[in-house]
Amino acid sequence: MCMGVYLAADSSLPLIAWDEQNPAFNVTELSEYEQSVRGQFHKPYVYYLGSYTGCSCGFSPDSNGGAELAIKSQEALISYVAQAATSGAVELFVCWEGDWQES
């Protein structure tokens, strides 16, 4: 089971495509099956934040033995959230994938 990190904002945020040839931090719109995570947020624009693993599991420092890539993903995550917050408050929600309605 994968970890999911979600971010919500009052305005649209830039997407960062997943690149399998160069795995790194990525930001995507919610998939159809993730739509229920919107219930965790008050803000209308909701995104999935992924790491070098493609999912959010790679934000964990002991994830898959890729310490350097995990650190780069963590730094990119922090930078992205900080930049998003320059336009106003943002909301974050972290859960196991599929547990979108859990609080």
N, C-alpha and C. Protein backbone atom coordinates (compact mmCIF):
# COMPACT_ATOMS: atom_id res chain seq x y z
N MET A 1 0.85 -1.17 0.00
CA MET A 1 0.00 0.00 0.00
C MET A 1 0.90 1.23 0.00
N CYS A 2 0.53 2.23 -0.76
CA CYS A 2 1.32 3.45 -0.89
C CYS A 2 0.78 4.57 -0.02
N MET A 3 1.68 5.46 0.33
CA MET A 3 1.34 6.68 1.04
C MET A 3 0.86 7.69 0.01
N GLY A 4 -0.10 8.52 0.40
CA GLY A 4 -0.57 9.60 -0.46
C GLY A 4 -0.42 10.93 0.23
N VAL A 5 0.16 11.90 -0.46
CA VAL A 5 0.27 13.27 0.04
C VAL A 5 -0.53 14.15 -0.90
N TYR A 6 -1.45 14.92 -0.33
CA TYR A 6 -2.35 15.77 -1.11
C TYR A 6 -2.24 17.20 -0.63
N LEU A 7 -2.39 18.13 -1.56
CA LEU A 7 -2.29 19.56 -1.28
C LEU A 7 -3.49 20.25 -1.89
N ALA A 8 -4.09 21.17 -1.14
CA ALA A 8 -5.22 21.94 -1.65
C ALA A 8 -4.91 23.43 -1.53
N ALA A 9 -5.39 24.20 -2.50
CA ALA A 9 -5.14 25.64 -2.54
C ALA A 9 -6.38 26.35 -3.07
N ASP A 10 -6.39 27.66 -2.91
CA ASP A 10 -7.50 28.48 -3.41
C ASP A 10 -7.42 28.76 -4.90
N SER A 11 -6.25 28.60 -5.48
CA SER A 11 -6.08 28.83 -6.92
C SER A 11 -5.29 27.68 -7.52
N SER A 12 -5.31 27.58 -8.83
CA SER A 12 -4.62 26.48 -9.48
C SER A 12 -3.11 26.59 -9.28
N LEU A 13 -2.47 25.45 -9.23
CA LEU A 13 -1.03 25.37 -9.03
C LEU A 13 -0.41 24.65 -10.22
N PRO A 14 0.88 24.88 -10.47
CA PRO A 14 1.51 24.22 -11.61
C PRO A 14 1.65 22.71 -11.41
N LEU A 15 1.41 21.99 -12.47
CA LEU A 15 1.60 20.55 -12.47
C LEU A 15 3.05 20.25 -12.83
N ILE A 16 3.57 19.16 -12.31
CA ILE A 16 4.91 18.68 -12.65
C ILE A 16 4.75 17.23 -13.06
N ALA A 17 4.93 16.97 -14.33
CA ALA A 17 4.66 15.64 -14.87
C ALA A 17 5.64 14.60 -14.33
N TRP A 18 5.15 13.38 -14.18
CA TRP A 18 5.98 12.24 -13.81
C TRP A 18 6.79 11.85 -15.04
N ASP A 19 8.08 11.67 -14.88
CA ASP A 19 8.96 11.27 -15.97
C ASP A 19 9.68 9.99 -15.56
N GLU A 20 9.28 8.89 -16.12
CA GLU A 20 9.84 7.59 -15.74
C GLU A 20 11.34 7.50 -16.03
N GLN A 21 11.81 8.24 -17.03
CA GLN A 21 13.23 8.24 -17.36
C GLN A 21 14.06 9.05 -16.37
N ASN A 22 13.43 10.02 -15.73
CA ASN A 22 14.09 10.87 -14.73
C ASN A 22 13.17 10.99 -13.52
N PRO A 23 13.04 9.94 -12.72
CA PRO A 23 12.09 9.96 -11.61
C PRO A 23 12.43 11.04 -10.58
N ALA A 24 11.42 11.83 -10.25
CA ALA A 24 11.62 12.95 -9.32
C ALA A 24 10.25 13.39 -8.79
N PHE A 25 10.27 14.43 -7.98
CA PHE A 25 9.05 15.03 -7.45
C PHE A 25 8.09 15.32 -8.59
N ASN A 26 6.80 15.06 -8.36
CA ASN A 26 5.79 15.31 -9.37
C ASN A 26 4.49 15.76 -8.73
N VAL A 27 3.71 16.51 -9.48
CA VAL A 27 2.42 17.02 -9.02
C VAL A 27 1.40 16.75 -10.10
N THR A 28 0.33 16.07 -9.73
CA THR A 28 -0.70 15.74 -10.71
C THR A 28 -2.08 16.11 -10.17
N GLU A 29 -3.00 16.23 -11.09
CA GLU A 29 -4.39 16.38 -10.69
C GLU A 29 -4.86 15.04 -10.14
N LEU A 30 -5.93 15.07 -9.39
CA LEU A 30 -6.45 13.84 -8.80
C LEU A 30 -6.96 12.91 -9.89
N SER A 31 -6.72 11.63 -9.69
CA SER A 31 -7.30 10.64 -10.59
C SER A 31 -8.79 10.50 -10.26
N GLU A 32 -9.48 9.83 -11.11
CA GLU A 32 -10.93 9.64 -10.89
C GLU A 32 -11.20 8.94 -9.57
N TYR A 33 -10.41 7.92 -9.23
CA TYR A 33 -10.67 7.16 -8.01
C TYR A 33 -10.22 7.89 -6.75
N GLU A 34 -9.44 8.97 -6.87
CA GLU A 34 -9.00 9.74 -5.71
C GLU A 34 -9.95 10.89 -5.35
N GLN A 35 -10.96 11.10 -6.12
CA GLN A 35 -11.83 12.27 -5.96
C GLN A 35 -12.43 12.40 -4.55
N SER A 36 -12.62 11.30 -3.85
CA SER A 36 -13.22 11.40 -2.52
C SER A 36 -12.31 12.08 -1.50
N VAL A 37 -11.01 12.23 -1.81
CA VAL A 37 -10.10 12.94 -0.89
C VAL A 37 -10.49 14.42 -0.79
N ARG A 38 -11.22 14.93 -1.77
CA ARG A 38 -11.67 16.33 -1.73
C ARG A 38 -12.44 16.63 -0.44
N GLY A 39 -13.08 15.63 0.13
CA GLY A 39 -13.83 15.81 1.37
C GLY A 39 -12.96 16.19 2.56
N GLN A 40 -11.65 16.04 2.44
CA GLN A 40 -10.73 16.41 3.51
C GLN A 40 -10.34 17.89 3.47
N PHE A 41 -10.75 18.58 2.43
CA PHE A 41 -10.28 19.95 2.19
C PHE A 41 -11.42 20.95 2.11
N HIS A 42 -11.07 22.19 2.41
CA HIS A 42 -12.00 23.31 2.24
C HIS A 42 -11.69 24.07 0.95
N LYS A 43 -10.52 23.88 0.42
CA LYS A 43 -10.07 24.61 -0.77
C LYS A 43 -10.38 23.81 -2.03
N PRO A 44 -10.65 24.51 -3.14
CA PRO A 44 -11.16 23.82 -4.33
C PRO A 44 -10.14 23.12 -5.22
N TYR A 45 -8.90 23.54 -5.20
CA TYR A 45 -7.89 22.95 -6.08
C TYR A 45 -7.06 21.94 -5.29
N VAL A 46 -7.19 20.67 -5.66
CA VAL A 46 -6.55 19.59 -4.91
C VAL A 46 -5.62 18.80 -5.84
N TYR A 47 -4.42 18.51 -5.33
CA TYR A 47 -3.40 17.85 -6.12
C TYR A 47 -2.77 16.69 -5.36
N TYR A 48 -2.26 15.74 -6.11
CA TYR A 48 -1.49 14.63 -5.57
C TYR A 48 -0.02 14.98 -5.72
N LEU A 49 0.75 14.81 -4.65
CA LEU A 49 2.19 15.10 -4.67
C LEU A 49 2.95 13.79 -4.59
N GLY A 50 3.74 13.52 -5.60
CA GLY A 50 4.50 12.28 -5.65
C GLY A 50 5.99 12.53 -5.55
N SER A 51 6.72 11.49 -5.20
CA SER A 51 8.17 11.55 -5.05
C SER A 51 8.85 10.85 -6.22
N TYR A 52 10.12 10.60 -6.07
CA TYR A 52 10.88 9.91 -7.12
C TYR A 52 10.38 8.50 -7.37
N THR A 53 9.61 7.94 -6.45
CA THR A 53 9.07 6.59 -6.64
C THR A 53 7.79 6.61 -7.48
N GLY A 54 7.30 7.80 -7.80
CA GLY A 54 6.05 7.95 -8.52
C GLY A 54 4.90 8.17 -7.57
N CYS A 55 4.95 7.49 -6.44
CA CYS A 55 3.95 7.69 -5.39
C CYS A 55 4.57 8.55 -4.29
N SER A 56 3.88 8.72 -3.19
CA SER A 56 4.39 9.55 -2.10
C SER A 56 5.29 8.79 -1.14
N CYS A 57 5.43 7.49 -1.31
CA CYS A 57 6.26 6.70 -0.40
C CYS A 57 7.71 7.16 -0.36
N GLY A 58 8.22 7.67 -1.46
CA GLY A 58 9.61 8.08 -1.54
C GLY A 58 9.95 9.32 -0.75
N PHE A 59 8.97 9.97 -0.12
CA PHE A 59 9.28 11.10 0.76
C PHE A 59 9.84 10.61 2.09
N SER A 60 9.64 9.35 2.38
CA SER A 60 10.15 8.77 3.61
C SER A 60 11.66 8.57 3.47
N PRO A 61 12.43 8.97 4.47
CA PRO A 61 13.89 8.89 4.34
C PRO A 61 14.44 7.48 4.18
N ASP A 62 13.71 6.46 4.61
CA ASP A 62 14.21 5.09 4.48
C ASP A 62 13.53 4.35 3.34
N SER A 63 12.94 5.06 2.42
CA SER A 63 12.19 4.46 1.34
C SER A 63 13.09 3.85 0.28
N ASN A 64 12.96 2.57 0.04
CA ASN A 64 13.61 1.85 -1.07
C ASN A 64 15.12 2.03 -1.14
N GLY A 65 15.76 2.43 -0.08
CA GLY A 65 17.21 2.57 -0.09
C GLY A 65 17.72 3.72 -0.93
N GLY A 66 16.85 4.56 -1.46
CA GLY A 66 17.27 5.68 -2.31
C GLY A 66 17.37 6.97 -1.52
N ALA A 67 18.28 7.01 -0.56
CA ALA A 67 18.37 8.15 0.36
C ALA A 67 18.57 9.48 -0.39
N GLU A 68 19.45 9.50 -1.37
CA GLU A 68 19.72 10.75 -2.09
C GLU A 68 18.48 11.21 -2.85
N LEU A 69 17.81 10.29 -3.52
CA LEU A 69 16.59 10.65 -4.25
C LEU A 69 15.46 11.04 -3.30
N ALA A 70 15.39 10.39 -2.15
CA ALA A 70 14.37 10.75 -1.16
C ALA A 70 14.61 12.17 -0.66
N ILE A 71 15.85 12.52 -0.40
CA ILE A 71 16.17 13.88 0.08
C ILE A 71 15.82 14.90 -1.00
N LYS A 72 16.15 14.62 -2.24
CA LYS A 72 15.80 15.54 -3.33
C LYS A 72 14.28 15.70 -3.44
N SER A 73 13.55 14.61 -3.29
CA SER A 73 12.09 14.67 -3.34
C SER A 73 11.55 15.48 -2.17
N GLN A 74 12.11 15.28 -0.99
CA GLN A 74 11.68 16.04 0.19
C GLN A 74 11.93 17.53 -0.01
N GLU A 75 13.10 17.88 -0.51
CA GLU A 75 13.44 19.29 -0.75
C GLU A 75 12.50 19.90 -1.77
N ALA A 76 12.19 19.17 -2.83
CA ALA A 76 11.27 19.67 -3.85
C ALA A 76 9.86 19.83 -3.27
N LEU A 77 9.45 18.89 -2.43
CA LEU A 77 8.14 18.98 -1.77
C LEU A 77 8.06 20.24 -0.92
N ILE A 78 9.07 20.46 -0.09
CA ILE A 78 9.08 21.64 0.79
C ILE A 78 9.06 22.92 -0.04
N SER A 79 9.85 22.97 -1.09
CA SER A 79 9.90 24.14 -1.95
C SER A 79 8.56 24.40 -2.63
N TYR A 80 7.95 23.33 -3.12
CA TYR A 80 6.67 23.47 -3.81
C TYR A 80 5.58 23.98 -2.87
N VAL A 81 5.51 23.40 -1.68
CA VAL A 81 4.50 23.83 -0.70
C VAL A 81 4.75 25.27 -0.28
N ALA A 82 6.00 25.63 -0.04
CA ALA A 82 6.35 27.00 0.34
C ALA A 82 5.95 27.98 -0.76
N GLN A 83 6.23 27.63 -2.01
CA GLN A 83 5.85 28.50 -3.13
C GLN A 83 4.33 28.62 -3.24
N ALA A 84 3.63 27.51 -3.08
CA ALA A 84 2.16 27.53 -3.14
C ALA A 84 1.59 28.42 -2.04
N ALA A 85 2.22 28.42 -0.88
CA ALA A 85 1.72 29.19 0.26
C ALA A 85 1.98 30.69 0.12
N THR A 86 2.78 31.10 -0.84
CA THR A 86 2.99 32.54 -1.03
C THR A 86 1.72 33.23 -1.53
N SER A 87 0.81 32.46 -2.09
CA SER A 87 -0.45 33.02 -2.58
C SER A 87 -1.58 32.90 -1.56
N GLY A 88 -1.30 32.34 -0.40
CA GLY A 88 -2.32 32.14 0.63
C GLY A 88 -2.14 30.80 1.29
N ALA A 89 -2.95 30.57 2.29
CA ALA A 89 -2.86 29.32 3.05
C ALA A 89 -3.15 28.13 2.13
N VAL A 90 -2.47 27.03 2.41
CA VAL A 90 -2.72 25.76 1.71
C VAL A 90 -3.06 24.72 2.76
N GLU A 91 -3.62 23.62 2.31
CA GLU A 91 -3.97 22.51 3.20
C GLU A 91 -3.25 21.25 2.71
N LEU A 92 -2.75 20.47 3.64
CA LEU A 92 -2.10 19.20 3.32
C LEU A 92 -2.85 18.06 4.00
N PHE A 93 -2.89 16.92 3.35
CA PHE A 93 -3.48 15.72 3.92
C PHE A 93 -2.62 14.55 3.50
N VAL A 94 -2.24 13.71 4.47
CA VAL A 94 -1.43 12.53 4.21
C VAL A 94 -2.19 11.31 4.71
N CYS A 95 -2.25 10.27 3.88
CA CYS A 95 -2.95 9.06 4.27
C CYS A 95 -2.41 7.90 3.45
N TRP A 96 -2.80 6.70 3.84
CA TRP A 96 -2.54 5.55 2.99
C TRP A 96 -3.51 5.64 1.82
N GLU A 97 -3.04 5.31 0.63
CA GLU A 97 -3.92 5.37 -0.53
C GLU A 97 -5.14 4.49 -0.29
N GLY A 98 -6.28 5.06 -0.58
CA GLY A 98 -7.54 4.36 -0.34
C GLY A 98 -8.22 4.79 0.94
N ASP A 99 -7.47 5.39 1.85
CA ASP A 99 -8.04 5.87 3.11
C ASP A 99 -8.38 7.34 3.03
N TRP A 100 -8.87 7.78 1.88
CA TRP A 100 -9.11 9.20 1.61
C TRP A 100 -10.17 9.81 2.51
N GLN A 101 -11.05 9.03 3.04
CA GLN A 101 -12.13 9.58 3.86
C GLN A 101 -11.84 9.46 5.35
N GLU A 102 -10.71 8.88 5.70
CA GLU A 102 -10.31 8.76 7.11
C GLU A 102 -9.80 10.11 7.59
N SER A 103 -10.01 10.42 8.88
CA SER A 103 -9.46 11.66 9.41
C SER A 103 -8.46 11.39 10.50
